[in-house]
Amino acid sequence: MGMVKRVIDFDNYHFSEESITRLKALDDRPIDYSDIPQHTVEQIREGRRLAIEMRKKQMFSLRLPTSTIEWWKSFGSGYTGIMARLLEEARNHPEWIKKCL
């Protein structure tokens, strides 16, 4: 296994003096990897492939009333992501869909 070094950014995070003392005391202790499972190169590649697959998105067109589009746009930048998450969540709540039928 390659060399791993602990680096704590004390300049950008606010730690108490006690916390800083405790963290610095860990510098000479080895990092315990016993709770991290060993993965083969093939397992890591498969995990990467699945992650990429999960991020894939397909373009979809939908006609909505102008007032609805303006309402969604009022959420600001990223409103389409909010819409997508809401539609994903609706898959887990069939009662929402039944209300609209």
N, C-alpha and C. Protein backbone atom coordinates (compact mmCIF):
# COMPACT_ATOMS: atom_id res chain seq x y z
N MET A 1 0.85 -1.18 0.00
CA MET A 1 0.00 0.00 0.00
C MET A 1 0.89 1.23 0.00
N GLY A 2 0.47 2.28 -0.70
CA GLY A 2 1.24 3.50 -0.79
C GLY A 2 1.26 4.27 0.52
N MET A 3 2.10 5.25 0.56
CA MET A 3 2.24 6.09 1.75
C MET A 3 1.03 6.99 1.89
N VAL A 4 0.47 7.04 3.07
CA VAL A 4 -0.67 7.91 3.37
C VAL A 4 -0.24 8.85 4.48
N LYS A 5 -0.50 10.14 4.29
CA LYS A 5 -0.12 11.11 5.29
C LYS A 5 -1.35 11.90 5.71
N ARG A 6 -1.49 12.09 7.01
CA ARG A 6 -2.59 12.90 7.53
C ARG A 6 -2.25 14.36 7.33
N VAL A 7 -3.19 15.11 6.76
CA VAL A 7 -3.00 16.55 6.62
C VAL A 7 -4.26 17.21 7.16
N ILE A 8 -4.09 18.08 8.13
CA ILE A 8 -5.22 18.78 8.73
C ILE A 8 -5.05 20.25 8.44
N ASP A 9 -6.04 20.85 7.83
CA ASP A 9 -5.99 22.26 7.43
C ASP A 9 -6.44 23.12 8.61
N PHE A 10 -5.50 23.49 9.47
CA PHE A 10 -5.82 24.27 10.66
C PHE A 10 -6.15 25.72 10.30
N ASP A 11 -5.71 26.18 9.13
CA ASP A 11 -5.94 27.58 8.75
C ASP A 11 -7.38 27.85 8.32
N ASN A 12 -8.04 26.85 7.73
CA ASN A 12 -9.37 27.08 7.18
C ASN A 12 -10.50 26.47 8.00
N TYR A 13 -10.17 25.79 9.08
CA TYR A 13 -11.19 25.23 9.96
C TYR A 13 -10.91 25.68 11.37
N HIS A 14 -11.95 25.92 12.13
CA HIS A 14 -11.80 26.43 13.49
C HIS A 14 -11.90 25.28 14.47
N PHE A 15 -10.77 24.92 15.06
CA PHE A 15 -10.71 23.86 16.05
C PHE A 15 -10.41 24.49 17.41
N SER A 16 -10.92 23.87 18.47
CA SER A 16 -10.55 24.32 19.81
C SER A 16 -9.10 23.93 20.06
N GLU A 17 -8.48 24.57 21.03
CA GLU A 17 -7.09 24.24 21.37
C GLU A 17 -6.99 22.78 21.79
N GLU A 18 -7.98 22.28 22.50
CA GLU A 18 -7.99 20.88 22.93
C GLU A 18 -8.03 19.94 21.72
N SER A 19 -8.87 20.28 20.74
CA SER A 19 -8.97 19.46 19.53
C SER A 19 -7.66 19.45 18.76
N ILE A 20 -7.03 20.61 18.65
CA ILE A 20 -5.75 20.71 17.93
C ILE A 20 -4.70 19.84 18.62
N THR A 21 -4.65 19.91 19.94
CA THR A 21 -3.69 19.10 20.70
C THR A 21 -3.93 17.62 20.46
N ARG A 22 -5.20 17.20 20.50
CA ARG A 22 -5.54 15.79 20.31
C ARG A 22 -5.22 15.34 18.88
N LEU A 23 -5.49 16.19 17.89
CA LEU A 23 -5.21 15.83 16.50
C LEU A 23 -3.70 15.73 16.24
N LYS A 24 -2.95 16.66 16.79
CA LYS A 24 -1.50 16.62 16.60
C LYS A 24 -0.88 15.40 17.28
N ALA A 25 -1.49 14.92 18.35
CA ALA A 25 -0.98 13.72 19.04
C ALA A 25 -1.12 12.48 18.16
N LEU A 26 -1.97 12.53 17.16
CA LEU A 26 -2.17 11.39 16.25
C LEU A 26 -1.10 11.30 15.17
N ASP A 27 -0.30 12.34 15.01
CA ASP A 27 0.70 12.38 13.93
C ASP A 27 1.61 11.16 13.88
N ASP A 28 2.01 10.66 15.04
CA ASP A 28 2.95 9.54 15.08
C ASP A 28 2.27 8.18 15.06
N ARG A 29 0.96 8.16 15.10
CA ARG A 29 0.24 6.88 15.11
C ARG A 29 -0.07 6.44 13.70
N PRO A 30 0.06 5.15 13.41
CA PRO A 30 -0.27 4.67 12.06
C PRO A 30 -1.79 4.73 11.83
N ILE A 31 -2.16 4.83 10.58
CA ILE A 31 -3.57 4.83 10.21
C ILE A 31 -4.06 3.39 10.18
N ASP A 32 -5.18 3.12 10.83
CA ASP A 32 -5.75 1.77 10.91
C ASP A 32 -6.66 1.53 9.70
N TYR A 33 -6.27 0.60 8.84
CA TYR A 33 -7.04 0.26 7.65
C TYR A 33 -7.87 -1.00 7.84
N SER A 34 -7.94 -1.54 9.04
CA SER A 34 -8.57 -2.84 9.25
C SER A 34 -10.07 -2.85 8.94
N ASP A 35 -10.73 -1.70 9.02
CA ASP A 35 -12.16 -1.66 8.75
C ASP A 35 -12.49 -1.29 7.30
N ILE A 36 -11.47 -1.18 6.47
CA ILE A 36 -11.67 -0.85 5.06
C ILE A 36 -11.50 -2.13 4.25
N PRO A 37 -12.54 -2.55 3.53
CA PRO A 37 -12.42 -3.80 2.77
C PRO A 37 -11.44 -3.66 1.61
N GLN A 38 -10.75 -4.75 1.32
CA GLN A 38 -9.84 -4.78 0.18
C GLN A 38 -10.66 -5.05 -1.07
N HIS A 39 -10.43 -4.29 -2.12
CA HIS A 39 -11.14 -4.48 -3.38
C HIS A 39 -10.13 -4.80 -4.48
N THR A 40 -10.57 -5.64 -5.38
CA THR A 40 -9.74 -5.94 -6.54
C THR A 40 -9.86 -4.81 -7.55
N VAL A 41 -8.94 -4.75 -8.48
CA VAL A 41 -8.99 -3.74 -9.54
C VAL A 41 -10.29 -3.87 -10.32
N GLU A 42 -10.74 -5.10 -10.55
CA GLU A 42 -11.99 -5.33 -11.28
C GLU A 42 -13.18 -4.75 -10.51
N GLN A 43 -13.20 -4.92 -9.18
CA GLN A 43 -14.30 -4.39 -8.38
C GLN A 43 -14.31 -2.86 -8.42
N ILE A 44 -13.14 -2.26 -8.38
CA ILE A 44 -13.05 -0.80 -8.45
C ILE A 44 -13.53 -0.31 -9.81
N ARG A 45 -13.12 -0.99 -10.88
CA ARG A 45 -13.58 -0.60 -12.23
C ARG A 45 -15.09 -0.72 -12.35
N GLU A 46 -15.64 -1.79 -11.81
CA GLU A 46 -17.10 -1.99 -11.87
C GLU A 46 -17.82 -0.89 -11.09
N GLY A 47 -17.27 -0.53 -9.94
CA GLY A 47 -17.86 0.55 -9.16
C GLY A 47 -17.85 1.87 -9.91
N ARG A 48 -16.75 2.16 -10.59
CA ARG A 48 -16.67 3.37 -11.41
C ARG A 48 -17.68 3.33 -12.54
N ARG A 49 -17.80 2.17 -13.20
CA ARG A 49 -18.75 2.02 -14.30
C ARG A 49 -20.17 2.27 -13.82
N LEU A 50 -20.51 1.70 -12.66
CA LEU A 50 -21.86 1.88 -12.11
C LEU A 50 -22.11 3.34 -11.74
N ALA A 51 -21.10 4.01 -11.19
CA ALA A 51 -21.26 5.41 -10.83
C ALA A 51 -21.52 6.26 -12.07
N ILE A 52 -20.79 5.98 -13.15
CA ILE A 52 -21.01 6.72 -14.40
C ILE A 52 -22.40 6.43 -14.94
N GLU A 53 -22.81 5.18 -14.88
CA GLU A 53 -24.14 4.78 -15.37
C GLU A 53 -25.24 5.50 -14.60
N MET A 54 -25.05 5.64 -13.30
CA MET A 54 -26.06 6.30 -12.47
C MET A 54 -26.17 7.79 -12.77
N ARG A 55 -25.07 8.40 -13.23
CA ARG A 55 -25.09 9.84 -13.53
C ARG A 55 -25.64 10.15 -14.91
N LYS A 56 -25.80 9.15 -15.76
CA LYS A 56 -26.30 9.40 -17.11
C LYS A 56 -27.71 9.94 -17.05
N LYS A 57 -27.95 10.90 -17.90
CA LYS A 57 -29.28 11.50 -17.97
C LYS A 57 -29.70 11.59 -19.42
N GLN A 58 -31.01 11.58 -19.64
CA GLN A 58 -31.55 11.66 -20.99
C GLN A 58 -32.34 12.94 -21.11
N MET A 59 -32.19 13.60 -22.25
CA MET A 59 -32.95 14.82 -22.51
C MET A 59 -34.43 14.47 -22.65
N PHE A 60 -35.28 15.33 -22.10
CA PHE A 60 -36.71 15.08 -22.10
C PHE A 60 -37.41 16.42 -22.27
N SER A 61 -38.39 16.46 -23.12
CA SER A 61 -39.13 17.69 -23.38
C SER A 61 -40.53 17.56 -22.80
N LEU A 62 -41.03 18.66 -22.24
CA LEU A 62 -42.34 18.64 -21.59
C LEU A 62 -43.01 19.99 -21.80
N ARG A 63 -44.27 19.96 -22.19
CA ARG A 63 -45.02 21.20 -22.37
C ARG A 63 -45.74 21.54 -21.06
N LEU A 64 -45.47 22.74 -20.56
CA LEU A 64 -46.08 23.20 -19.31
C LEU A 64 -46.65 24.60 -19.51
N PRO A 65 -47.65 24.95 -18.71
CA PRO A 65 -48.16 26.33 -18.79
C PRO A 65 -47.06 27.32 -18.40
N THR A 66 -47.10 28.49 -19.02
CA THR A 66 -46.09 29.51 -18.75
C THR A 66 -46.02 29.83 -17.26
N SER A 67 -47.15 29.90 -16.60
CA SER A 67 -47.16 30.23 -15.16
C SER A 67 -46.41 29.18 -14.34
N THR A 68 -46.53 27.93 -14.73
CA THR A 68 -45.82 26.85 -14.03
C THR A 68 -44.31 26.97 -14.25
N ILE A 69 -43.92 27.26 -15.48
CA ILE A 69 -42.49 27.42 -15.78
C ILE A 69 -41.92 28.60 -15.00
N GLU A 70 -42.64 29.71 -14.96
CA GLU A 70 -42.17 30.87 -14.21
C GLU A 70 -42.06 30.56 -12.72
N TRP A 71 -43.00 29.78 -12.19
CA TRP A 71 -42.95 29.39 -10.78
C TRP A 71 -41.69 28.58 -10.51
N TRP A 72 -41.41 27.60 -11.38
CA TRP A 72 -40.20 26.80 -11.20
C TRP A 72 -38.96 27.67 -11.29
N LYS A 73 -38.92 28.58 -12.25
CA LYS A 73 -37.77 29.45 -12.42
C LYS A 73 -37.55 30.35 -11.21
N SER A 74 -38.61 30.60 -10.44
CA SER A 74 -38.47 31.44 -9.24
C SER A 74 -37.55 30.80 -8.20
N PHE A 75 -37.28 29.51 -8.32
CA PHE A 75 -36.35 28.85 -7.41
C PHE A 75 -34.90 29.21 -7.72
N GLY A 76 -34.69 29.83 -8.87
CA GLY A 76 -33.35 30.27 -9.23
C GLY A 76 -32.57 29.21 -9.97
N SER A 77 -31.28 29.47 -10.08
CA SER A 77 -30.39 28.57 -10.79
C SER A 77 -30.48 27.17 -10.19
N GLY A 78 -30.61 26.18 -11.03
CA GLY A 78 -30.71 24.80 -10.56
C GLY A 78 -32.14 24.31 -10.42
N TYR A 79 -33.09 25.09 -10.90
CA TYR A 79 -34.49 24.69 -10.75
C TYR A 79 -34.80 23.39 -11.50
N THR A 80 -34.10 23.13 -12.61
CA THR A 80 -34.37 21.88 -13.33
C THR A 80 -33.90 20.68 -12.52
N GLY A 81 -32.85 20.85 -11.75
CA GLY A 81 -32.39 19.77 -10.87
C GLY A 81 -33.40 19.48 -9.78
N ILE A 82 -34.03 20.54 -9.27
CA ILE A 82 -35.08 20.37 -8.26
C ILE A 82 -36.25 19.60 -8.87
N MET A 83 -36.62 19.98 -10.10
CA MET A 83 -37.71 19.28 -10.79
C MET A 83 -37.37 17.80 -10.95
N ALA A 84 -36.14 17.52 -11.35
CA ALA A 84 -35.72 16.13 -11.57
C ALA A 84 -35.79 15.33 -10.27
N ARG A 85 -35.31 15.94 -9.16
CA ARG A 85 -35.36 15.24 -7.87
C ARG A 85 -36.79 15.00 -7.42
N LEU A 86 -37.68 15.95 -7.68
CA LEU A 86 -39.08 15.78 -7.32
C LEU A 86 -39.71 14.63 -8.12
N LEU A 87 -39.41 14.57 -9.41
CA LEU A 87 -39.93 13.47 -10.24
C LEU A 87 -39.38 12.13 -9.77
N GLU A 88 -38.09 12.09 -9.40
CA GLU A 88 -37.50 10.85 -8.87
C GLU A 88 -38.21 10.45 -7.58
N GLU A 89 -38.46 11.41 -6.72
CA GLU A 89 -39.13 11.12 -5.44
C GLU A 89 -40.55 10.63 -5.67
N ALA A 90 -41.22 11.15 -6.71
CA ALA A 90 -42.59 10.74 -7.02
C ALA A 90 -42.66 9.25 -7.34
N ARG A 91 -41.56 8.68 -7.84
CA ARG A 91 -41.55 7.24 -8.12
C ARG A 91 -41.76 6.43 -6.84
N ASN A 92 -41.35 6.98 -5.71
CA ASN A 92 -41.49 6.29 -4.43
C ASN A 92 -42.83 6.57 -3.75
N HIS A 93 -43.63 7.45 -4.35
CA HIS A 93 -44.92 7.82 -3.76
C HIS A 93 -46.03 7.72 -4.80
N PRO A 94 -46.51 6.52 -5.09
CA PRO A 94 -47.55 6.35 -6.11
C PRO A 94 -48.83 7.12 -5.76
N GLU A 95 -49.04 7.41 -4.48
CA GLU A 95 -50.25 8.16 -4.11
C GLU A 95 -50.22 9.57 -4.68
N TRP A 96 -49.04 10.15 -4.88
CA TRP A 96 -48.93 11.47 -5.52
C TRP A 96 -49.45 11.38 -6.95
N ILE A 97 -49.09 10.31 -7.63
CA ILE A 97 -49.49 10.14 -9.03
C ILE A 97 -51.00 9.93 -9.11
N LYS A 98 -51.55 9.13 -8.21
CA LYS A 98 -53.00 8.86 -8.22
C LYS A 98 -53.80 10.13 -8.04
N LYS A 99 -53.29 11.09 -7.26
CA LYS A 99 -54.00 12.37 -7.07
C LYS A 99 -54.14 13.13 -8.37
N CYS A 100 -53.18 12.92 -9.29
CA CYS A 100 -53.16 13.68 -10.54
C CYS A 100 -53.87 12.98 -11.69
N LEU A 101 -54.29 11.76 -11.52
CA LEU A 101 -54.94 11.04 -12.61
C LEU A 101 -56.38 11.45 -12.79
